[in-house]
N, C-alpha and C. Protein backbone atom coordinates (compact mmCIF):
# COMPACT_ATOMS: atom_id res chain seq x y z
N ILE A 1 15.32 -2.68 -1.40
CA ILE A 1 14.77 -3.21 -2.64
C ILE A 1 13.47 -3.92 -2.35
N LEU A 2 12.67 -4.10 -3.35
CA LEU A 2 11.37 -4.72 -3.16
C LEU A 2 11.51 -6.10 -2.56
N SER A 3 12.46 -6.88 -3.07
CA SER A 3 12.60 -8.24 -2.57
C SER A 3 13.00 -8.26 -1.10
N LYS A 4 13.65 -7.20 -0.62
CA LYS A 4 13.99 -7.12 0.81
C LYS A 4 12.71 -6.92 1.63
N ASN A 5 11.89 -5.97 1.20
CA ASN A 5 10.68 -5.69 1.95
C ASN A 5 9.62 -6.77 1.81
N LEU A 6 9.69 -7.50 0.72
CA LEU A 6 8.72 -8.57 0.49
C LEU A 6 9.42 -9.93 0.54
N SER A 7 10.43 -10.04 1.40
CA SER A 7 11.24 -11.25 1.42
C SER A 7 10.40 -12.49 1.72
N HIS A 8 9.32 -12.33 2.46
CA HIS A 8 8.47 -13.49 2.75
C HIS A 8 7.83 -14.04 1.48
N LEU A 9 7.85 -13.26 0.39
CA LEU A 9 7.25 -13.72 -0.85
C LEU A 9 8.20 -14.60 -1.66
N SER A 10 9.48 -14.60 -1.30
CA SER A 10 10.44 -15.34 -2.10
C SER A 10 10.23 -16.85 -2.01
N ASP A 11 9.52 -17.31 -1.01
CA ASP A 11 9.24 -18.74 -0.88
C ASP A 11 7.92 -19.11 -1.54
N SER A 12 7.58 -18.40 -2.59
CA SER A 12 6.30 -18.64 -3.26
C SER A 12 6.38 -19.87 -4.14
N ILE A 13 5.28 -20.16 -4.80
CA ILE A 13 5.20 -21.34 -5.64
C ILE A 13 5.36 -20.99 -7.10
N TYR A 14 5.90 -19.81 -7.38
CA TYR A 14 6.07 -19.38 -8.77
C TYR A 14 6.89 -20.38 -9.58
N GLY A 15 7.99 -20.87 -9.03
CA GLY A 15 8.84 -21.83 -9.75
C GLY A 15 8.07 -23.08 -10.13
N GLU A 16 7.28 -23.58 -9.19
CA GLU A 16 6.49 -24.78 -9.46
C GLU A 16 5.48 -24.53 -10.57
N LEU A 17 4.83 -23.36 -10.52
CA LEU A 17 3.83 -23.06 -11.54
C LEU A 17 4.46 -22.91 -12.91
N CYS A 18 5.58 -22.20 -12.99
CA CYS A 18 6.23 -21.97 -14.28
C CYS A 18 6.81 -23.26 -14.85
N SER A 19 7.36 -24.09 -13.99
CA SER A 19 7.99 -25.30 -14.49
C SER A 19 6.97 -26.24 -15.12
N SER A 20 5.71 -26.05 -14.80
CA SER A 20 4.68 -26.91 -15.39
C SER A 20 4.09 -26.31 -16.66
N GLY A 21 4.70 -25.24 -17.19
CA GLY A 21 4.20 -24.64 -18.41
C GLY A 21 2.95 -23.80 -18.20
N PHE A 22 2.74 -23.37 -17.00
CA PHE A 22 1.54 -22.65 -16.59
C PHE A 22 1.30 -21.38 -17.41
N LYS A 23 2.39 -20.67 -17.79
CA LYS A 23 2.25 -19.39 -18.50
C LYS A 23 1.67 -19.57 -19.91
N SER A 24 1.71 -20.77 -20.44
CA SER A 24 1.19 -20.98 -21.79
C SER A 24 -0.33 -21.10 -21.83
N TYR A 25 -0.96 -21.22 -20.66
CA TYR A 25 -2.42 -21.35 -20.60
C TYR A 25 -3.09 -20.00 -20.84
N PRO A 26 -4.36 -19.99 -21.27
CA PRO A 26 -5.11 -18.73 -21.38
C PRO A 26 -5.20 -18.04 -20.02
N VAL A 27 -5.37 -16.73 -20.04
CA VAL A 27 -5.40 -15.93 -18.81
C VAL A 27 -6.45 -16.44 -17.83
N SER A 28 -7.62 -16.81 -18.31
CA SER A 28 -8.68 -17.28 -17.40
C SER A 28 -8.26 -18.56 -16.68
N ILE A 29 -7.55 -19.45 -17.36
CA ILE A 29 -7.07 -20.69 -16.73
C ILE A 29 -5.95 -20.37 -15.75
N GLN A 30 -5.05 -19.45 -16.13
CA GLN A 30 -3.99 -19.04 -15.21
C GLN A 30 -4.60 -18.51 -13.92
N ALA A 31 -5.61 -17.65 -14.04
CA ALA A 31 -6.25 -17.06 -12.86
C ALA A 31 -6.91 -18.14 -12.02
N PHE A 32 -7.59 -19.08 -12.65
CA PHE A 32 -8.24 -20.17 -11.92
C PHE A 32 -7.21 -20.98 -11.14
N LEU A 33 -6.11 -21.34 -11.81
CA LEU A 33 -5.09 -22.15 -11.14
C LEU A 33 -4.38 -21.36 -10.04
N LEU A 34 -4.13 -20.07 -10.27
CA LEU A 34 -3.55 -19.24 -9.21
C LEU A 34 -4.47 -19.21 -7.99
N ALA A 35 -5.76 -19.01 -8.24
CA ALA A 35 -6.73 -18.98 -7.14
C ALA A 35 -6.76 -20.31 -6.41
N HIS A 36 -6.70 -21.40 -7.17
CA HIS A 36 -6.71 -22.74 -6.57
C HIS A 36 -5.49 -22.93 -5.67
N TYR A 37 -4.30 -22.60 -6.19
CA TYR A 37 -3.08 -22.70 -5.37
C TYR A 37 -3.18 -21.83 -4.13
N PHE A 38 -3.67 -20.61 -4.32
CA PHE A 38 -3.78 -19.66 -3.21
C PHE A 38 -4.70 -20.22 -2.11
N LEU A 39 -5.87 -20.70 -2.51
CA LEU A 39 -6.85 -21.18 -1.54
C LEU A 39 -6.37 -22.44 -0.82
N ASN A 40 -5.47 -23.19 -1.42
CA ASN A 40 -4.97 -24.43 -0.82
C ASN A 40 -3.56 -24.26 -0.26
N SER A 41 -3.12 -23.03 -0.10
CA SER A 41 -1.78 -22.76 0.40
C SER A 41 -1.87 -21.93 1.68
N ASN A 42 -0.84 -22.00 2.49
CA ASN A 42 -0.82 -21.16 3.70
C ASN A 42 0.15 -20.00 3.54
N GLN A 43 0.52 -19.69 2.31
CA GLN A 43 1.48 -18.60 2.07
C GLN A 43 1.04 -17.76 0.88
N ASP A 44 1.76 -16.64 0.71
CA ASP A 44 1.51 -15.79 -0.45
C ASP A 44 1.85 -16.54 -1.74
N VAL A 45 1.16 -16.16 -2.80
CA VAL A 45 1.46 -16.69 -4.12
C VAL A 45 1.91 -15.51 -4.98
N VAL A 46 3.08 -15.61 -5.59
CA VAL A 46 3.61 -14.53 -6.42
C VAL A 46 3.57 -14.98 -7.88
N TRP A 47 3.06 -14.10 -8.72
CA TRP A 47 3.03 -14.39 -10.16
C TRP A 47 3.67 -13.21 -10.89
N PHE A 48 4.75 -13.48 -11.61
CA PHE A 48 5.43 -12.45 -12.38
C PHE A 48 4.74 -12.27 -13.72
N CYS A 49 4.38 -11.04 -14.01
CA CYS A 49 3.71 -10.71 -15.27
C CYS A 49 4.69 -9.97 -16.17
N GLU A 50 4.46 -10.09 -17.47
CA GLU A 50 5.34 -9.44 -18.44
C GLU A 50 5.20 -7.92 -18.42
N ASN A 51 3.98 -7.44 -18.18
CA ASN A 51 3.73 -5.99 -18.23
C ASN A 51 2.45 -5.65 -17.48
N GLU A 52 2.15 -4.37 -17.42
CA GLU A 52 0.98 -3.89 -16.69
C GLU A 52 -0.31 -4.45 -17.27
N SER A 53 -0.36 -4.59 -18.57
CA SER A 53 -1.56 -5.13 -19.23
C SER A 53 -1.85 -6.55 -18.76
N GLU A 54 -0.81 -7.36 -18.65
CA GLU A 54 -1.00 -8.73 -18.17
C GLU A 54 -1.45 -8.74 -16.71
N VAL A 55 -0.88 -7.85 -15.90
CA VAL A 55 -1.31 -7.74 -14.50
C VAL A 55 -2.82 -7.47 -14.45
N GLN A 56 -3.27 -6.50 -15.23
CA GLN A 56 -4.68 -6.12 -15.22
C GLN A 56 -5.59 -7.25 -15.70
N LYS A 57 -5.17 -7.97 -16.73
CA LYS A 57 -5.99 -9.07 -17.25
C LYS A 57 -6.13 -10.20 -16.23
N ILE A 58 -5.01 -10.60 -15.65
CA ILE A 58 -5.05 -11.70 -14.68
C ILE A 58 -5.81 -11.27 -13.43
N GLN A 59 -5.58 -10.03 -12.99
CA GLN A 59 -6.29 -9.55 -11.79
C GLN A 59 -7.80 -9.54 -12.03
N ALA A 60 -8.23 -9.08 -13.20
CA ALA A 60 -9.66 -9.06 -13.50
C ALA A 60 -10.24 -10.47 -13.45
N GLU A 61 -9.51 -11.44 -13.97
CA GLU A 61 -9.98 -12.83 -13.93
C GLU A 61 -9.96 -13.39 -12.50
N LEU A 62 -8.94 -13.02 -11.72
CA LEU A 62 -8.85 -13.50 -10.34
C LEU A 62 -10.05 -13.08 -9.51
N PHE A 63 -10.59 -11.90 -9.82
CA PHE A 63 -11.73 -11.40 -9.04
C PHE A 63 -12.97 -12.27 -9.23
N HIS A 64 -12.97 -13.17 -10.21
CA HIS A 64 -14.08 -14.12 -10.35
C HIS A 64 -13.99 -15.21 -9.29
N PHE A 65 -12.79 -15.43 -8.76
CA PHE A 65 -12.56 -16.54 -7.83
C PHE A 65 -12.20 -16.10 -6.42
N LEU A 66 -11.65 -14.90 -6.30
CA LEU A 66 -11.16 -14.43 -5.00
C LEU A 66 -11.74 -13.07 -4.67
N GLU A 67 -11.68 -12.71 -3.41
CA GLU A 67 -12.07 -11.38 -2.99
C GLU A 67 -10.99 -10.38 -3.41
N GLU A 68 -11.38 -9.15 -3.62
CA GLU A 68 -10.43 -8.12 -4.06
C GLU A 68 -9.26 -7.97 -3.09
N GLU A 69 -9.54 -8.06 -1.78
CA GLU A 69 -8.46 -7.88 -0.80
C GLU A 69 -7.48 -9.05 -0.77
N ASP A 70 -7.79 -10.15 -1.47
CA ASP A 70 -6.86 -11.27 -1.55
C ASP A 70 -5.79 -11.05 -2.60
N CYS A 71 -5.94 -10.02 -3.42
CA CYS A 71 -5.01 -9.77 -4.53
C CYS A 71 -4.27 -8.45 -4.31
N ALA A 72 -3.01 -8.46 -4.67
CA ALA A 72 -2.21 -7.23 -4.63
C ALA A 72 -1.35 -7.21 -5.88
N SER A 73 -1.11 -6.01 -6.38
CA SER A 73 -0.23 -5.90 -7.54
C SER A 73 0.76 -4.77 -7.31
N TRP A 74 1.89 -4.86 -7.99
CA TRP A 74 2.91 -3.84 -7.86
C TRP A 74 3.60 -3.68 -9.20
N LEU A 75 3.60 -2.43 -9.71
CA LEU A 75 4.18 -2.15 -11.02
C LEU A 75 5.51 -1.43 -10.92
N GLY A 76 5.84 -0.86 -9.75
CA GLY A 76 7.13 -0.24 -9.53
C GLY A 76 7.20 1.22 -9.91
N TYR A 77 8.31 1.86 -9.58
CA TYR A 77 8.63 3.24 -9.92
C TYR A 77 10.11 3.44 -9.67
N SER A 78 10.62 4.63 -9.92
CA SER A 78 12.07 4.85 -9.80
C SER A 78 12.40 5.85 -8.69
N PHE A 79 13.68 5.86 -8.30
CA PHE A 79 14.19 6.76 -7.28
C PHE A 79 15.20 7.71 -7.89
N ASP A 80 15.34 8.91 -7.30
CA ASP A 80 16.37 9.84 -7.75
C ASP A 80 17.67 9.56 -6.98
N GLU A 81 18.70 10.40 -7.22
CA GLU A 81 20.00 10.17 -6.60
C GLU A 81 19.98 10.33 -5.08
N ASP A 82 18.95 10.97 -4.52
CA ASP A 82 18.83 11.13 -3.06
C ASP A 82 17.97 10.05 -2.44
N ASN A 83 17.69 8.98 -3.19
CA ASN A 83 16.85 7.87 -2.73
C ASN A 83 15.43 8.29 -2.40
N GLU A 84 14.95 9.31 -3.11
CA GLU A 84 13.56 9.74 -2.96
C GLU A 84 12.78 9.29 -4.18
N PRO A 85 11.52 8.90 -4.01
CA PRO A 85 10.72 8.52 -5.17
C PRO A 85 10.60 9.71 -6.12
N CYS A 86 10.69 9.46 -7.41
CA CYS A 86 10.59 10.56 -8.36
C CYS A 86 9.53 10.26 -9.41
N GLY A 87 8.92 11.33 -9.90
CA GLY A 87 7.96 11.21 -10.98
C GLY A 87 6.80 10.30 -10.67
N LEU A 88 6.33 10.31 -9.44
CA LEU A 88 5.24 9.40 -9.10
C LEU A 88 3.93 9.89 -9.71
N ALA A 89 3.38 9.10 -10.58
CA ALA A 89 2.04 9.39 -11.08
C ALA A 89 1.06 9.06 -9.98
N ASP A 90 -0.13 9.61 -10.08
CA ASP A 90 -1.13 9.43 -9.03
C ASP A 90 -1.43 7.95 -8.76
N ASP A 91 -1.59 7.16 -9.83
CA ASP A 91 -1.92 5.76 -9.63
C ASP A 91 -0.74 4.98 -9.07
N VAL A 92 0.50 5.40 -9.39
CA VAL A 92 1.68 4.73 -8.85
C VAL A 92 1.79 4.99 -7.36
N LEU A 93 1.57 6.23 -6.94
CA LEU A 93 1.62 6.56 -5.52
C LEU A 93 0.56 5.78 -4.75
N GLU A 94 -0.64 5.71 -5.30
CA GLU A 94 -1.69 4.94 -4.64
C GLU A 94 -1.32 3.46 -4.60
N GLY A 95 -0.70 2.97 -5.68
CA GLY A 95 -0.25 1.58 -5.71
C GLY A 95 0.81 1.30 -4.67
N LEU A 96 1.74 2.24 -4.50
CA LEU A 96 2.78 2.10 -3.48
C LEU A 96 2.15 2.03 -2.10
N TYR A 97 1.21 2.92 -1.83
CA TYR A 97 0.54 2.92 -0.53
C TYR A 97 -0.16 1.58 -0.29
N ASP A 98 -0.85 1.07 -1.31
CA ASP A 98 -1.55 -0.21 -1.19
C ASP A 98 -0.58 -1.36 -0.93
N VAL A 99 0.56 -1.35 -1.65
CA VAL A 99 1.56 -2.40 -1.46
C VAL A 99 2.11 -2.35 -0.04
N LEU A 100 2.45 -1.16 0.44
CA LEU A 100 3.00 -1.05 1.79
C LEU A 100 1.98 -1.47 2.84
N GLU A 101 0.72 -1.13 2.64
CA GLU A 101 -0.33 -1.58 3.56
C GLU A 101 -0.42 -3.11 3.54
N ALA A 102 -0.34 -3.69 2.34
CA ALA A 102 -0.44 -5.15 2.22
C ALA A 102 0.76 -5.84 2.86
N VAL A 103 1.96 -5.27 2.68
CA VAL A 103 3.15 -5.86 3.27
C VAL A 103 3.07 -5.79 4.79
N LYS A 104 2.54 -4.68 5.31
CA LYS A 104 2.41 -4.48 6.76
C LYS A 104 1.45 -5.52 7.36
N SER A 105 0.49 -5.93 6.58
CA SER A 105 -0.52 -6.87 7.04
C SER A 105 0.04 -8.29 7.06
N THR A 106 -0.54 -9.15 7.85
CA THR A 106 -0.11 -10.55 7.90
C THR A 106 -0.98 -11.44 7.02
N LYS A 107 -1.96 -10.85 6.38
CA LYS A 107 -2.88 -11.60 5.51
C LYS A 107 -2.15 -12.10 4.27
N LYS A 108 -2.36 -13.35 3.90
CA LYS A 108 -1.74 -13.86 2.67
C LYS A 108 -2.47 -13.31 1.46
N ARG A 109 -1.75 -13.22 0.34
CA ARG A 109 -2.30 -12.64 -0.88
C ARG A 109 -1.74 -13.32 -2.12
N VAL A 110 -2.43 -13.11 -3.23
CA VAL A 110 -1.87 -13.39 -4.54
C VAL A 110 -1.24 -12.09 -4.99
N TRP A 111 0.06 -12.11 -5.27
CA TRP A 111 0.79 -10.92 -5.72
C TRP A 111 1.03 -11.03 -7.21
N LEU A 112 0.59 -10.03 -7.95
CA LEU A 112 0.87 -9.93 -9.38
C LEU A 112 1.89 -8.81 -9.54
N ILE A 113 3.08 -9.17 -10.00
CA ILE A 113 4.19 -8.22 -10.00
C ILE A 113 4.89 -8.29 -11.35
N THR A 114 5.18 -7.14 -11.92
CA THR A 114 5.98 -7.14 -13.14
C THR A 114 7.43 -7.42 -12.75
N LYS A 115 8.18 -7.97 -13.68
CA LYS A 115 9.58 -8.29 -13.40
C LYS A 115 10.36 -7.03 -13.06
N GLU A 116 10.05 -5.92 -13.73
CA GLU A 116 10.73 -4.66 -13.44
C GLU A 116 10.42 -4.19 -12.02
N ALA A 117 9.18 -4.37 -11.60
CA ALA A 117 8.79 -3.93 -10.26
C ALA A 117 9.51 -4.74 -9.18
N TRP A 118 9.73 -6.02 -9.46
CA TRP A 118 10.42 -6.86 -8.48
C TRP A 118 11.82 -6.31 -8.21
N ALA A 119 12.42 -5.68 -9.23
CA ALA A 119 13.78 -5.15 -9.09
C ALA A 119 13.81 -3.73 -8.53
N THR A 120 12.67 -3.03 -8.46
CA THR A 120 12.68 -1.67 -7.93
C THR A 120 12.60 -1.69 -6.42
N ARG A 121 13.06 -0.60 -5.86
CA ARG A 121 13.05 -0.50 -4.41
C ARG A 121 11.77 0.18 -3.94
N ILE A 122 11.33 -0.20 -2.78
CA ILE A 122 10.24 0.52 -2.12
C ILE A 122 10.77 0.95 -0.76
N PRO A 123 10.18 2.00 -0.19
CA PRO A 123 10.64 2.42 1.13
C PRO A 123 10.41 1.32 2.17
N ASP A 124 11.21 1.33 3.20
CA ASP A 124 10.99 0.42 4.31
C ASP A 124 9.60 0.71 4.88
N VAL A 125 8.84 -0.35 5.09
CA VAL A 125 7.44 -0.20 5.50
C VAL A 125 7.30 0.61 6.79
N LYS A 126 8.07 0.27 7.81
CA LYS A 126 7.97 0.98 9.09
C LYS A 126 8.37 2.44 8.93
N GLN A 127 9.44 2.68 8.16
CA GLN A 127 9.91 4.05 7.95
C GLN A 127 8.86 4.86 7.19
N PHE A 128 8.25 4.26 6.17
CA PHE A 128 7.25 4.97 5.38
C PHE A 128 6.09 5.43 6.26
N PHE A 129 5.55 4.52 7.06
CA PHE A 129 4.39 4.87 7.89
C PHE A 129 4.77 5.74 9.08
N SER A 130 6.04 5.69 9.51
CA SER A 130 6.46 6.56 10.62
C SER A 130 6.58 8.01 10.16
N ARG A 131 6.69 8.24 8.84
CA ARG A 131 6.80 9.61 8.33
C ARG A 131 5.44 10.24 8.11
N ALA A 132 4.38 9.57 8.49
CA ALA A 132 3.05 10.13 8.31
C ALA A 132 2.94 11.47 9.04
N ILE A 133 2.14 12.33 8.49
CA ILE A 133 1.96 13.66 9.06
C ILE A 133 0.70 13.64 9.93
N GLU A 134 0.86 13.98 11.17
CA GLU A 134 -0.28 14.02 12.08
C GLU A 134 -0.57 15.48 12.43
N PHE A 135 -1.82 15.87 12.23
CA PHE A 135 -2.22 17.25 12.53
C PHE A 135 -3.00 17.27 13.82
N LYS A 136 -2.72 18.29 14.64
CA LYS A 136 -3.42 18.45 15.91
C LYS A 136 -3.98 19.85 15.99
N LEU A 137 -5.20 19.94 16.45
CA LEU A 137 -5.87 21.22 16.61
C LEU A 137 -5.08 22.09 17.59
N GLY A 138 -4.84 23.32 17.20
CA GLY A 138 -4.12 24.27 18.06
C GLY A 138 -2.62 24.23 17.92
N GLN A 139 -2.10 23.30 17.15
CA GLN A 139 -0.65 23.18 16.97
C GLN A 139 -0.17 24.18 15.91
N ASP A 140 1.05 24.70 16.08
CA ASP A 140 1.65 25.59 15.09
C ASP A 140 2.43 24.76 14.08
N TYR A 141 2.36 25.17 12.81
CA TYR A 141 3.04 24.44 11.74
C TYR A 141 3.84 25.41 10.88
N ALA A 142 5.06 25.04 10.57
CA ALA A 142 5.89 25.80 9.63
C ALA A 142 5.57 25.28 8.23
N PHE A 143 5.04 26.13 7.37
CA PHE A 143 4.57 25.68 6.06
C PHE A 143 5.69 25.12 5.20
N HIS A 144 6.89 25.67 5.28
CA HIS A 144 8.00 25.13 4.49
C HIS A 144 8.35 23.71 4.92
N LYS A 145 8.19 23.41 6.22
CA LYS A 145 8.46 22.06 6.70
C LYS A 145 7.34 21.10 6.29
N LEU A 146 6.10 21.60 6.28
CA LEU A 146 4.99 20.77 5.80
C LEU A 146 5.22 20.38 4.34
N ARG A 147 5.62 21.35 3.55
CA ARG A 147 5.88 21.10 2.12
C ARG A 147 6.96 20.02 1.98
N GLU A 148 8.03 20.13 2.74
CA GLU A 148 9.12 19.14 2.70
C GLU A 148 8.62 17.75 3.08
N LYS A 149 7.75 17.69 4.11
CA LYS A 149 7.22 16.39 4.54
C LYS A 149 6.38 15.75 3.44
N PHE A 150 5.54 16.55 2.79
CA PHE A 150 4.72 16.00 1.70
C PHE A 150 5.60 15.50 0.56
N TYR A 151 6.63 16.26 0.20
CA TYR A 151 7.56 15.82 -0.84
C TYR A 151 8.24 14.52 -0.42
N GLY A 152 8.62 14.44 0.84
CA GLY A 152 9.28 13.24 1.36
C GLY A 152 8.41 12.00 1.31
N LEU A 153 7.11 12.20 1.34
CA LEU A 153 6.18 11.07 1.25
C LEU A 153 5.80 10.76 -0.20
N GLY A 154 6.38 11.50 -1.14
CA GLY A 154 6.13 11.21 -2.55
C GLY A 154 4.95 11.96 -3.15
N TYR A 155 4.38 12.91 -2.41
CA TYR A 155 3.28 13.70 -2.95
C TYR A 155 3.78 14.68 -4.00
N ILE A 156 2.90 15.05 -4.91
CA ILE A 156 3.21 16.01 -5.95
C ILE A 156 2.42 17.28 -5.67
N GLU A 157 3.10 18.42 -5.70
CA GLU A 157 2.42 19.69 -5.45
C GLU A 157 1.77 20.19 -6.73
N GLU A 158 0.51 20.54 -6.63
CA GLU A 158 -0.26 21.05 -7.76
C GLU A 158 -0.99 22.32 -7.31
N SER A 159 -1.39 23.13 -8.26
CA SER A 159 -2.15 24.33 -7.90
C SER A 159 -3.57 23.95 -7.48
N GLN A 160 -4.09 22.87 -8.07
CA GLN A 160 -5.41 22.38 -7.70
C GLN A 160 -5.32 20.87 -7.49
N VAL A 161 -5.84 20.37 -6.39
CA VAL A 161 -5.77 18.96 -6.05
C VAL A 161 -6.96 18.22 -6.66
N GLU A 162 -6.65 17.24 -7.50
CA GLU A 162 -7.71 16.47 -8.16
C GLU A 162 -7.56 14.97 -8.01
N PHE A 163 -6.32 14.49 -7.78
CA PHE A 163 -6.06 13.06 -7.78
C PHE A 163 -5.27 12.65 -6.54
N PRO A 164 -5.36 11.35 -6.15
CA PRO A 164 -4.58 10.87 -5.01
C PRO A 164 -3.09 11.14 -5.21
N GLY A 165 -2.42 11.51 -4.11
CA GLY A 165 -1.00 11.78 -4.15
C GLY A 165 -0.65 13.22 -4.46
N GLN A 166 -1.64 14.08 -4.51
CA GLN A 166 -1.39 15.50 -4.77
C GLN A 166 -1.67 16.32 -3.51
N PHE A 167 -0.94 17.45 -3.41
CA PHE A 167 -1.24 18.40 -2.34
C PHE A 167 -1.05 19.80 -2.89
N SER A 168 -1.66 20.76 -2.22
CA SER A 168 -1.53 22.17 -2.57
C SER A 168 -1.45 22.95 -1.28
N LEU A 169 -0.48 23.84 -1.21
CA LEU A 169 -0.32 24.68 -0.03
C LEU A 169 -0.29 26.12 -0.52
N ARG A 170 -1.43 26.81 -0.34
CA ARG A 170 -1.57 28.19 -0.79
C ARG A 170 -1.92 29.06 0.41
N GLY A 171 -1.00 29.94 0.74
CA GLY A 171 -1.23 30.80 1.90
C GLY A 171 -1.39 29.94 3.15
N SER A 172 -2.53 30.05 3.80
CA SER A 172 -2.77 29.27 5.01
C SER A 172 -3.74 28.11 4.76
N VAL A 173 -3.90 27.72 3.48
CA VAL A 173 -4.83 26.65 3.12
C VAL A 173 -4.04 25.46 2.57
N LEU A 174 -4.30 24.27 3.13
CA LEU A 174 -3.69 23.03 2.66
C LEU A 174 -4.78 22.14 2.10
N ASP A 175 -4.62 21.72 0.86
CA ASP A 175 -5.48 20.71 0.25
C ASP A 175 -4.61 19.48 0.04
N CYS A 176 -5.14 18.30 0.34
CA CYS A 176 -4.37 17.07 0.20
C CYS A 176 -5.31 15.93 -0.18
N PHE A 177 -4.88 15.13 -1.17
CA PHE A 177 -5.65 13.96 -1.57
C PHE A 177 -4.84 12.73 -1.15
N VAL A 178 -5.26 12.10 -0.07
CA VAL A 178 -4.56 10.94 0.48
C VAL A 178 -4.94 9.70 -0.32
N PRO A 179 -3.96 8.92 -0.79
CA PRO A 179 -4.29 7.67 -1.49
C PRO A 179 -5.17 6.79 -0.63
N GLY A 180 -6.16 6.20 -1.23
CA GLY A 180 -7.09 5.34 -0.51
C GLY A 180 -8.34 6.06 -0.06
N GLU A 181 -8.35 7.39 -0.10
CA GLU A 181 -9.54 8.15 0.27
C GLU A 181 -10.34 8.50 -0.98
N GLU A 182 -11.63 8.73 -0.81
CA GLU A 182 -12.49 9.04 -1.95
C GLU A 182 -12.36 10.49 -2.40
N LYS A 183 -12.08 11.39 -1.46
CA LYS A 183 -12.02 12.82 -1.77
C LYS A 183 -10.82 13.44 -1.07
N PRO A 184 -10.34 14.57 -1.61
CA PRO A 184 -9.28 15.30 -0.91
C PRO A 184 -9.83 15.99 0.33
N PHE A 185 -8.96 16.40 1.21
CA PHE A 185 -9.40 17.18 2.37
C PHE A 185 -8.75 18.55 2.33
N ARG A 186 -9.36 19.49 3.05
CA ARG A 186 -8.84 20.86 3.15
C ARG A 186 -8.69 21.22 4.60
N MET A 187 -7.56 21.87 4.90
CA MET A 187 -7.33 22.39 6.25
C MET A 187 -6.97 23.86 6.11
N GLU A 188 -7.53 24.67 6.99
CA GLU A 188 -7.21 26.09 7.02
C GLU A 188 -6.47 26.38 8.32
N PHE A 189 -5.33 27.01 8.19
CA PHE A 189 -4.52 27.37 9.35
C PHE A 189 -4.71 28.86 9.60
N PHE A 190 -4.98 29.19 10.83
CA PHE A 190 -5.21 30.59 11.18
C PHE A 190 -3.92 31.16 11.73
N VAL A 191 -3.42 32.17 11.04
CA VAL A 191 -2.18 32.81 11.44
C VAL A 191 -2.53 34.04 12.25
N GLY A 192 -1.98 34.15 13.39
CA GLY A 192 -2.36 35.31 14.18
C GLY A 192 -1.62 35.46 15.37
């Protein structure tokens, strides 16, 4: 579950902030006070938002006071009966990748999280990154196994790759758009 992987966040100052009526302030004041607490704290600051819209509003205001890398947000997604991520939209997959990178890091952050996202599970950070696909020049690859690996990482297969989290495997050509990259990449495998 998310709280397991982000257990270090459970000691945040959210309770203190809420108990003082902090949520009743305008978004710009909430962001200022969150930034103030963050800058004067040696730990992560977690702020639960009602919905994605609130996350976006507070995050936009936080960027007036903090660097972008000081903020992280998580909106969540669901799993199927085999504990595999399902229905991942491109932005959700990229968000998952960003969250796992942030969790892996030791840098403190302001976390903006919806209540639903706090209850959703994310893959174990070490397990997620250990499943990365490494390509080596001259290596043989079974295309059906490559397809399975991409599915296992939450990628969506499309006929044409346009957005992060998509891949296409046509014949001996692999197109893949890795979250966090500006453009997709193409690899051609020579069968012979």
